[in-house]
Amino acid sequence: MAGTGFFGWLRSNSEHYLLIAAHQKLAKEQGSPAPRPPKGAKEIFWLKVFAPTYAVLPWPLRSRIMRAMPGSHRQTWAAPPRSQGPAV
């Protein structure tokens, strides 16, 4: 799971079900077999409520929500080491 606690769980589930929703959309556009339909309340919520709602949110709002949540997406890359001269 990405991270720990509630926000890790939320991020993990979001990524998983957004990926499935993208597969469904691509399969429909390409005329390919789609992933199996959602089963149970959890999958129905994530695929029929969360994914479509997320898709219509404007990027600035999505970005603001992600920045507000703790998690790996807030980590920054370390600065590259200083050059010590030519490599060769």
PDB file of N, CA and C in Angstrom:
ATOM      1  N   MET A   1       0.852  -1.181   0.000  1.00  0.00           N
ATOM      2  CA  MET A   1       0.000   0.000   0.000  1.00  0.00           C
ATOM      3  C   MET A   1       0.889   1.232   0.000  1.00  0.00           C
ATOM      4  N   ALA A   2       0.492   2.262  -0.722  1.00  0.00           N
ATOM      5  CA  ALA A   2       1.250   3.512  -0.775  1.00  0.00           C
ATOM      6  C   ALA A   2       1.002   4.297   0.501  1.00  0.00           C
ATOM      7  N   GLY A   3       2.035   4.474   1.311  1.00  0.00           N
ATOM      8  CA  GLY A   3       1.869   5.219   2.555  1.00  0.00           C
ATOM      9  C   GLY A   3       1.203   4.370   3.609  1.00  0.00           C
ATOM     10  N   THR A   4       0.801   5.011   4.681  1.00  0.00           N
ATOM     11  CA  THR A   4       0.141   4.289   5.747  1.00  0.00           C
ATOM     12  C   THR A   4      -1.110   5.037   6.154  1.00  0.00           C
ATOM     13  N   GLY A   5      -1.959   4.350   6.859  1.00  0.00           N
ATOM     14  CA  GLY A   5      -3.164   4.973   7.368  1.00  0.00           C
ATOM     15  C   GLY A   5      -4.187   5.267   6.285  1.00  0.00           C
ATOM     16  N   PHE A   6      -5.088   6.169   6.637  1.00  0.00           N
ATOM     17  CA  PHE A   6      -6.213   6.486   5.760  1.00  0.00           C
ATOM     18  C   PHE A   6      -5.764   7.026   4.406  1.00  0.00           C
ATOM     19  N   PHE A   7      -4.820   7.962   4.404  1.00  0.00           N
ATOM     20  CA  PHE A   7      -4.418   8.568   3.136  1.00  0.00           C
ATOM     21  C   PHE A   7      -3.693   7.580   2.232  1.00  0.00           C
ATOM     22  N   GLY A   8      -2.957   6.654   2.816  1.00  0.00           N
ATOM     23  CA  GLY A   8      -2.341   5.601   2.015  1.00  0.00           C
ATOM     24  C   GLY A   8      -3.382   4.691   1.401  1.00  0.00           C
ATOM     25  N   TRP A   9      -4.387   4.342   2.204  1.00  0.00           N
ATOM     26  CA  TRP A   9      -5.480   3.504   1.717  1.00  0.00           C
ATOM     27  C   TRP A   9      -6.225   4.230   0.599  1.00  0.00           C
ATOM     28  N   LEU A  10      -6.519   5.506   0.808  1.00  0.00           N
ATOM     29  CA  LEU A  10      -7.239   6.293  -0.193  1.00  0.00           C
ATOM     30  C   LEU A  10      -6.453   6.377  -1.495  1.00  0.00           C
ATOM     31  N   ARG A  11      -5.168   6.643  -1.389  1.00  0.00           N
ATOM     32  CA  ARG A  11      -4.334   6.750  -2.587  1.00  0.00           C
ATOM     33  C   ARG A  11      -4.267   5.415  -3.335  1.00  0.00           C
ATOM     34  N   SER A  12      -4.072   4.333  -2.595  1.00  0.00           N
ATOM     35  CA  SER A  12      -3.980   3.010  -3.199  1.00  0.00           C
ATOM     36  C   SER A  12      -5.268   2.639  -3.932  1.00  0.00           C
ATOM     37  N   ASN A  13      -6.402   2.834  -3.279  1.00  0.00           N
ATOM     38  CA  ASN A  13      -7.687   2.516  -3.908  1.00  0.00           C
ATOM     39  C   ASN A  13      -7.967   3.435  -5.091  1.00  0.00           C
ATOM     40  N   SER A  14      -7.664   4.711  -4.940  1.00  0.00           N
ATOM     41  CA  SER A  14      -7.883   5.654  -6.039  1.00  0.00           C
ATOM     42  C   SER A  14      -7.099   5.234  -7.267  1.00  0.00           C
ATOM     43  N   GLU A  15      -5.817   4.961  -7.090  1.00  0.00           N
ATOM     44  CA  GLU A  15      -4.980   4.553  -8.218  1.00  0.00           C
ATOM     45  C   GLU A  15      -5.521   3.286  -8.870  1.00  0.00           C
ATOM     46  N   HIS A  16      -5.864   2.300  -8.051  1.00  0.00           N
ATOM     47  CA  HIS A  16      -6.347   1.012  -8.559  1.00  0.00           C
ATOM     48  C   HIS A  16      -7.613   1.176  -9.397  1.00  0.00           C
ATOM     49  N   TYR A  17      -8.604   1.851  -8.842  1.00  0.00           N
ATOM     50  CA  TYR A  17      -9.885   1.953  -9.538  1.00  0.00           C
ATOM     51  C   TYR A  17      -9.858   2.959 -10.681  1.00  0.00           C
ATOM     52  N   LEU A  18      -9.018   3.993 -10.602  1.00  0.00           N
ATOM     53  CA  LEU A  18      -8.881   4.890 -11.748  1.00  0.00           C
ATOM     54  C   LEU A  18      -8.223   4.154 -12.916  1.00  0.00           C
ATOM     55  N   LEU A  19      -7.307   3.246 -12.617  1.00  0.00           N
ATOM     56  CA  LEU A  19      -6.683   2.438 -13.664  1.00  0.00           C
ATOM     57  C   LEU A  19      -7.708   1.511 -14.319  1.00  0.00           C
ATOM     58  N   ILE A  20      -8.539   0.880 -13.526  1.00  0.00           N
ATOM     59  CA  ILE A  20      -9.587   0.012 -14.077  1.00  0.00           C
ATOM     60  C   ILE A  20     -10.552   0.831 -14.933  1.00  0.00           C
ATOM     61  N   ALA A  21     -10.934   2.020 -14.452  1.00  0.00           N
ATOM     62  CA  ALA A  21     -11.846   2.884 -15.217  1.00  0.00           C
ATOM     63  C   ALA A  21     -11.207   3.285 -16.546  1.00  0.00           C
ATOM     64  N   ALA A  22      -9.905   3.558 -16.534  1.00  0.00           N
ATOM     65  CA  ALA A  22      -9.205   3.900 -17.780  1.00  0.00           C
ATOM     66  C   ALA A  22      -9.201   2.713 -18.733  1.00  0.00           C
ATOM     67  N   HIS A  23      -9.015   1.507 -18.198  1.00  0.00           N
ATOM     68  CA  HIS A  23      -9.060   0.296 -19.032  1.00  0.00           C
ATOM     69  C   HIS A  23     -10.446   0.129 -19.653  1.00  0.00           C
ATOM     70  N   GLN A  24     -11.483   0.364 -18.849  1.00  0.00           N
ATOM     71  CA  GLN A  24     -12.848   0.245 -19.372  1.00  0.00           C
ATOM     72  C   GLN A  24     -13.087   1.242 -20.501  1.00  0.00           C
ATOM     73  N   LYS A  25     -12.656   2.483 -20.300  1.00  0.00           N
ATOM     74  CA  LYS A  25     -12.846   3.520 -21.311  1.00  0.00           C
ATOM     75  C   LYS A  25     -12.091   3.181 -22.595  1.00  0.00           C
ATOM     76  N   LEU A  26     -10.851   2.756 -22.451  1.00  0.00           N
ATOM     77  CA  LEU A  26     -10.038   2.407 -23.611  1.00  0.00           C
ATOM     78  C   LEU A  26     -10.631   1.206 -24.352  1.00  0.00           C
ATOM     79  N   ALA A  27     -11.085   0.199 -23.634  1.00  0.00           N
ATOM     80  CA  ALA A  27     -11.688  -0.972 -24.260  1.00  0.00           C
ATOM     81  C   ALA A  27     -12.930  -0.580 -25.053  1.00  0.00           C
ATOM     82  N   LYS A  28     -13.737   0.320 -24.483  1.00  0.00           N
ATOM     83  CA  LYS A  28     -14.943   0.766 -25.181  1.00  0.00           C
ATOM     84  C   LYS A  28     -14.577   1.521 -26.455  1.00  0.00           C
ATOM     85  N   GLU A  29     -13.572   2.413 -26.358  1.00  0.00           N
ATOM     86  CA  GLU A  29     -13.154   3.189 -27.527  1.00  0.00           C
ATOM     87  C   GLU A  29     -12.557   2.312 -28.617  1.00  0.00           C
ATOM     88  N   GLN A  30     -11.832   1.269 -28.231  1.00  0.00           N
ATOM     89  CA  GLN A  30     -11.136   0.420 -29.194  1.00  0.00           C
ATOM     90  C   GLN A  30     -11.952  -0.796 -29.619  1.00  0.00           C
ATOM     91  N   GLY A  31     -13.097  -1.008 -28.995  1.00  0.00           N
ATOM     92  CA  GLY A  31     -13.906  -2.174 -29.317  1.00  0.00           C
ATOM     93  C   GLY A  31     -13.301  -3.470 -28.812  1.00  0.00           C
ATOM     94  N   SER A  32     -12.520  -3.379 -27.750  1.00  0.00           N
ATOM     95  CA  SER A  32     -11.867  -4.547 -27.153  1.00  0.00           C
ATOM     96  C   SER A  32     -12.670  -5.044 -25.957  1.00  0.00           C
ATOM     97  N   PRO A  33     -12.396  -6.268 -25.526  1.00  0.00           N
ATOM     98  CA  PRO A  33     -13.074  -6.764 -24.321  1.00  0.00           C
ATOM     99  C   PRO A  33     -12.713  -5.900 -23.117  1.00  0.00           C
ATOM    100  N   ALA A  34     -13.709  -5.543 -22.350  1.00  0.00           N
ATOM    101  CA  ALA A  34     -13.515  -4.706 -21.159  1.00  0.00           C
ATOM    102  C   ALA A  34     -13.234  -5.576 -19.943  1.00  0.00           C
ATOM    103  N   PRO A  35     -12.671  -4.973 -18.890  1.00  0.00           N
ATOM    104  CA  PRO A  35     -12.543  -5.710 -17.627  1.00  0.00           C
ATOM    105  C   PRO A  35     -13.942  -6.112 -17.147  1.00  0.00           C
ATOM    106  N   ARG A  36     -13.975  -7.073 -16.259  1.00  0.00           N
ATOM    107  CA  ARG A  36     -15.274  -7.533 -15.765  1.00  0.00           C
ATOM    108  C   ARG A  36     -16.021  -6.372 -15.102  1.00  0.00           C
ATOM    109  N   PRO A  37     -17.358  -6.422 -15.103  1.00  0.00           N
ATOM    110  CA  PRO A  37     -18.133  -5.359 -14.458  1.00  0.00           C
ATOM    111  C   PRO A  37     -17.896  -5.337 -12.941  1.00  0.00           C
ATOM    112  N   PRO A  38     -18.124  -4.191 -12.307  1.00  0.00           N
ATOM    113  CA  PRO A  38     -17.910  -4.123 -10.857  1.00  0.00           C
ATOM    114  C   PRO A  38     -18.854  -5.049 -10.108  1.00  0.00           C
ATOM    115  N   LYS A  39     -18.329  -5.625  -9.029  1.00  0.00           N
ATOM    116  CA  LYS A  39     -19.122  -6.507  -8.173  1.00  0.00           C
ATOM    117  C   LYS A  39     -19.054  -5.977  -6.757  1.00  0.00           C
ATOM    118  N   GLY A  40     -20.169  -5.910  -6.105  1.00  0.00           N
ATOM    119  CA  GLY A  40     -20.214  -5.482  -4.715  1.00  0.00           C
ATOM    120  C   GLY A  40     -20.222  -3.966  -4.571  1.00  0.00           C
ATOM    121  N   ALA A  41     -20.632  -3.523  -3.399  1.00  0.00           N
ATOM    122  CA  ALA A  41     -20.797  -2.094  -3.127  1.00  0.00           C
ATOM    123  C   ALA A  41     -19.489  -1.323  -3.254  1.00  0.00           C
ATOM    124  N   LYS A  42     -18.378  -1.915  -2.801  1.00  0.00           N
ATOM    125  CA  LYS A  42     -17.093  -1.217  -2.852  1.00  0.00           C
ATOM    126  C   LYS A  42     -16.695  -0.909  -4.290  1.00  0.00           C
ATOM    127  N   GLU A  43     -16.719  -1.907  -5.166  1.00  0.00           N
ATOM    128  CA  GLU A  43     -16.329  -1.701  -6.560  1.00  0.00           C
ATOM    129  C   GLU A  43     -17.310  -0.789  -7.288  1.00  0.00           C
ATOM    130  N   ILE A  44     -18.588  -0.921  -6.988  1.00  0.00           N
ATOM    131  CA  ILE A  44     -19.582  -0.056  -7.621  1.00  0.00           C
ATOM    132  C   ILE A  44     -19.329   1.395  -7.238  1.00  0.00           C
ATOM    133  N   PHE A  45     -19.057   1.653  -5.956  1.00  0.00           N
ATOM    134  CA  PHE A  45     -18.772   3.026  -5.531  1.00  0.00           C
ATOM    135  C   PHE A  45     -17.561   3.590  -6.275  1.00  0.00           C
ATOM    136  N   TRP A  46     -16.438   2.844  -6.237  1.00  0.00           N
ATOM    137  CA  TRP A  46     -15.210   3.362  -6.829  1.00  0.00           C
ATOM    138  C   TRP A  46     -15.331   3.539  -8.344  1.00  0.00           C
ATOM    139  N   LEU A  47     -16.019   2.628  -9.034  1.00  0.00           N
ATOM    140  CA  LEU A  47     -16.078   2.690 -10.501  1.00  0.00           C
ATOM    141  C   LEU A  47     -17.260   3.482 -11.053  1.00  0.00           C
ATOM    142  N   LYS A  48     -18.342   3.561 -10.298  1.00  0.00           N
ATOM    143  CA  LYS A  48     -19.530   4.257 -10.794  1.00  0.00           C
ATOM    144  C   LYS A  48     -19.733   5.638 -10.169  1.00  0.00           C
ATOM    145  N   VAL A  49     -19.076   5.899  -9.028  1.00  0.00           N
ATOM    146  CA  VAL A  49     -19.225   7.194  -8.366  1.00  0.00           C
ATOM    147  C   VAL A  49     -17.887   7.942  -8.347  1.00  0.00           C
ATOM    148  N   PHE A  50     -16.863   7.335  -7.743  1.00  0.00           N
ATOM    149  CA  PHE A  50     -15.586   8.036  -7.577  1.00  0.00           C
ATOM    150  C   PHE A  50     -14.909   8.354  -8.904  1.00  0.00           C
ATOM    151  N   ALA A  51     -14.686   7.347  -9.742  1.00  0.00           N
ATOM    152  CA  ALA A  51     -13.935   7.556 -10.992  1.00  0.00           C
ATOM    153  C   ALA A  51     -14.608   8.586 -11.906  1.00  0.00           C
ATOM    154  N   PRO A  52     -15.940   8.514 -12.143  1.00  0.00           N
ATOM    155  CA  PRO A  52     -16.555   9.539 -12.993  1.00  0.00           C
ATOM    156  C   PRO A  52     -16.498  10.943 -12.369  1.00  0.00           C
ATOM    157  N   THR A  53     -16.644  11.025 -11.051  1.00  0.00           N
ATOM    158  CA  THR A  53     -16.572  12.324 -10.373  1.00  0.00           C
ATOM    159  C   THR A  53     -15.172  12.893 -10.506  1.00  0.00           C
ATOM    160  N   TYR A  54     -14.168  12.065 -10.275  1.00  0.00           N
ATOM    161  CA  TYR A  54     -12.779  12.501 -10.395  1.00  0.00           C
ATOM    162  C   TYR A  54     -12.484  12.990 -11.807  1.00  0.00           C
ATOM    163  N   ALA A  55     -13.019  12.299 -12.798  1.00  0.00           N
ATOM    164  CA  ALA A  55     -12.755  12.629 -14.195  1.00  0.00           C
ATOM    165  C   ALA A  55     -13.286  14.007 -14.585  1.00  0.00           C
ATOM    166  N   VAL A  56     -14.375  14.459 -13.965  1.00  0.00           N
ATOM    167  CA  VAL A  56     -14.949  15.752 -14.335  1.00  0.00           C
ATOM    168  C   VAL A  56     -14.395  16.917 -13.519  1.00  0.00           C
ATOM    169  N   LEU A  57     -13.626  16.620 -12.466  1.00  0.00           N
ATOM    170  CA  LEU A  57     -13.039  17.709 -11.682  1.00  0.00           C
ATOM    171  C   LEU A  57     -11.975  18.421 -12.508  1.00  0.00           C
ATOM    172  N   PRO A  58     -11.949  19.743 -12.481  1.00  0.00           N
ATOM    173  CA  PRO A  58     -10.895  20.451 -13.204  1.00  0.00           C
ATOM    174  C   PRO A  58      -9.537  20.188 -12.555  1.00  0.00           C
ATOM    175  N   TRP A  59      -8.481  20.185 -13.385  1.00  0.00           N
ATOM    176  CA  TRP A  59      -7.147  19.876 -12.883  1.00  0.00           C
ATOM    177  C   TRP A  59      -6.724  20.747 -11.705  1.00  0.00           C
ATOM    178  N   PRO A  60      -6.955  22.056 -11.693  1.00  0.00           N
ATOM    179  CA  PRO A  60      -6.517  22.849 -10.536  1.00  0.00           C
ATOM    180  C   PRO A  60      -7.114  22.345  -9.215  1.00  0.00           C
ATOM    181  N   LEU A  61      -8.361  21.905  -9.239  1.00  0.00           N
ATOM    182  CA  LEU A  61      -8.984  21.381  -8.024  1.00  0.00           C
ATOM    183  C   LEU A  61      -8.372  20.036  -7.644  1.00  0.00           C
ATOM    184  N   ARG A  62      -8.189  19.141  -8.612  1.00  0.00           N
ATOM    185  CA  ARG A  62      -7.550  17.841  -8.331  1.00  0.00           C
ATOM    186  C   ARG A  62      -6.168  18.055  -7.729  1.00  0.00           C
ATOM    187  N   SER A  63      -5.405  18.955  -8.327  1.00  0.00           N
ATOM    188  CA  SER A  63      -4.047  19.228  -7.865  1.00  0.00           C
ATOM    189  C   SER A  63      -4.047  19.764  -6.434  1.00  0.00           C
ATOM    190  N   ARG A  64      -4.954  20.674  -6.138  1.00  0.00           N
ATOM    191  CA  ARG A  64      -5.040  21.249  -4.793  1.00  0.00           C
ATOM    192  C   ARG A  64      -5.382  20.165  -3.760  1.00  0.00           C
ATOM    193  N   ILE A  65      -6.293  19.273  -4.110  1.00  0.00           N
ATOM    194  CA  ILE A  65      -6.671  18.183  -3.202  1.00  0.00           C
ATOM    195  C   ILE A  65      -5.471  17.277  -2.940  1.00  0.00           C
ATOM    196  N   MET A  66      -4.753  16.905  -4.006  1.00  0.00           N
ATOM    197  CA  MET A  66      -3.590  16.020  -3.843  1.00  0.00           C
ATOM    198  C   MET A  66      -2.501  16.674  -2.998  1.00  0.00           C
ATOM    199  N   ARG A  67      -2.267  17.973  -3.220  1.00  0.00           N
ATOM    200  CA  ARG A  67      -1.236  18.662  -2.434  1.00  0.00           C
ATOM    201  C   ARG A  67      -1.613  18.765  -0.970  1.00  0.00           C
ATOM    202  N   ALA A  68      -2.901  18.804  -0.674  1.00  0.00           N
ATOM    203  CA  ALA A  68      -3.360  18.920   0.702  1.00  0.00           C
ATOM    204  C   ALA A  68      -3.229  17.605   1.477  1.00  0.00           C
ATOM    205  N   MET A  69      -3.144  16.485   0.761  1.00  0.00           N
ATOM    206  CA  MET A  69      -3.067  15.179   1.417  1.00  0.00           C
ATOM    207  C   MET A  69      -1.618  14.773   1.630  1.00  0.00           C
ATOM    208  N   PRO A  70      -1.317  14.215   2.794  1.00  0.00           N
ATOM    209  CA  PRO A  70       0.044  13.705   2.989  1.00  0.00           C
ATOM    210  C   PRO A  70       0.269  12.481   2.115  1.00  0.00           C
ATOM    211  N   GLY A  71       1.496  12.271   1.687  1.00  0.00           N
ATOM    212  CA  GLY A  71       1.794  11.092   0.883  1.00  0.00           C
ATOM    213  C   GLY A  71       3.001  11.294   0.009  1.00  0.00           C
ATOM    214  N   SER A  72       3.339  10.269  -0.746  1.00  0.00           N
ATOM    215  CA  SER A  72       4.548  10.282  -1.552  1.00  0.00           C
ATOM    216  C   SER A  72       4.512  11.313  -2.661  1.00  0.00           C
ATOM    217  N   HIS A  73       3.328  11.718  -3.107  1.00  0.00           N
ATOM    218  CA  HIS A  73       3.237  12.705  -4.175  1.00  0.00           C
ATOM    219  C   HIS A  73       3.735  14.078  -3.718  1.00  0.00           C
ATOM    220  N   ARG A  74       3.931  14.271  -2.418  1.00  0.00           N
ATOM    221  CA  ARG A  74       4.423  15.547  -1.910  1.00  0.00           C
ATOM    222  C   ARG A  74       5.937  15.543  -1.730  1.00  0.00           C
ATOM    223  N   GLN A  75       6.554  14.395  -1.857  1.00  0.00           N
ATOM    224  CA  GLN A  75       7.997  14.320  -1.685  1.00  0.00           C
ATOM    225  C   GLN A  75       8.683  14.941  -2.891  1.00  0.00           C
ATOM    226  N   THR A  76       9.796  15.588  -2.622  1.00  0.00           N
ATOM    227  CA  THR A  76      10.539  16.202  -3.717  1.00  0.00           C
ATOM    228  C   THR A  76      11.787  15.378  -3.993  1.00  0.00           C
ATOM    229  N   TRP A  77      12.271  15.489  -5.207  1.00  0.00           N
ATOM    230  CA  TRP A  77      13.493  14.796  -5.586  1.00  0.00           C
ATOM    231  C   TRP A  77      14.682  15.503  -4.962  1.00  0.00           C
ATOM    232  N   ALA A  78      15.700  14.736  -4.626  1.00  0.00           N
ATOM    233  CA  ALA A  78      16.935  15.319  -4.112  1.00  0.00           C
ATOM    234  C   ALA A  78      17.621  16.073  -5.242  1.00  0.00           C
ATOM    235  N   ALA A  79      18.324  17.133  -4.875  1.00  0.00           N
ATOM    236  CA  ALA A  79      19.048  17.901  -5.885  1.00  0.00           C
ATOM    237  C   ALA A  79      20.161  17.025  -6.468  1.00  0.00           C
ATOM    238  N   PRO A  80      20.451  17.162  -7.753  1.00  0.00           N
ATOM    239  CA  PRO A  80      21.526  16.354  -8.337  1.00  0.00           C
ATOM    240  C   PRO A  80      22.868  16.758  -7.736  1.00  0.00           C
ATOM    241  N   PRO A  81      23.803  15.815  -7.664  1.00  0.00           N
ATOM    242  CA  PRO A  81      25.114  16.144  -7.092  1.00  0.00           C
ATOM    243  C   PRO A  81      25.842  17.157  -7.978  1.00  0.00           C
ATOM    244  N   ARG A  82      26.708  17.946  -7.350  1.00  0.00           N
ATOM    245  CA  ARG A  82      27.504  18.920  -8.110  1.00  0.00           C
ATOM    246  C   ARG A  82      28.453  18.218  -9.048  1.00  0.00           C
ATOM    247  N   SER A  83      28.622  18.782 -10.213  1.00  0.00           N
ATOM    248  CA  SER A  83      29.542  18.212 -11.185  1.00  0.00           C
ATOM    249  C   SER A  83      30.975  18.343 -10.678  1.00  0.00           C
ATOM    250  N   GLN A  84      31.766  17.296 -10.862  1.00  0.00           N
ATOM    251  CA  GLN A  84      33.161  17.293 -10.410  1.00  0.00           C
ATOM    252  C   GLN A  84      34.113  17.416 -11.601  1.00  0.00           C
ATOM    253  N   GLY A  85      33.599  17.861 -12.717  1.00  0.00           N
ATOM    254  CA  GLY A  85      34.406  17.960 -13.910  1.00  0.00           C
ATOM    255  C   GLY A  85      33.983  16.933 -14.937  1.00  0.00           C
ATOM    256  N   PRO A  86      34.746  16.771 -15.999  1.00  0.00           N
ATOM    257  CA  PRO A  86      34.358  15.826 -17.042  1.00  0.00           C
ATOM    258  C   PRO A  86      34.310  14.397 -16.527  1.00  0.00           C
ATOM    259  N   ALA A  87      33.356  13.627 -17.072  1.00  0.00           N
ATOM    260  CA  ALA A  87      33.227  12.231 -16.671  1.00  0.00           C
ATOM    261  C   ALA A  87      34.266  11.345 -17.340  1.00  0.00           C
ATOM    262  N   VAL A  88      34.838  11.818 -18.411  1.00  0.00           N
ATOM    263  CA  VAL A  88      35.820  11.001 -19.146  1.00  0.00           C
ATOM    264  C   VAL A  88      37.183  11.611 -19.056  1.00  0.00           C
TER     265      VAL A  88
END
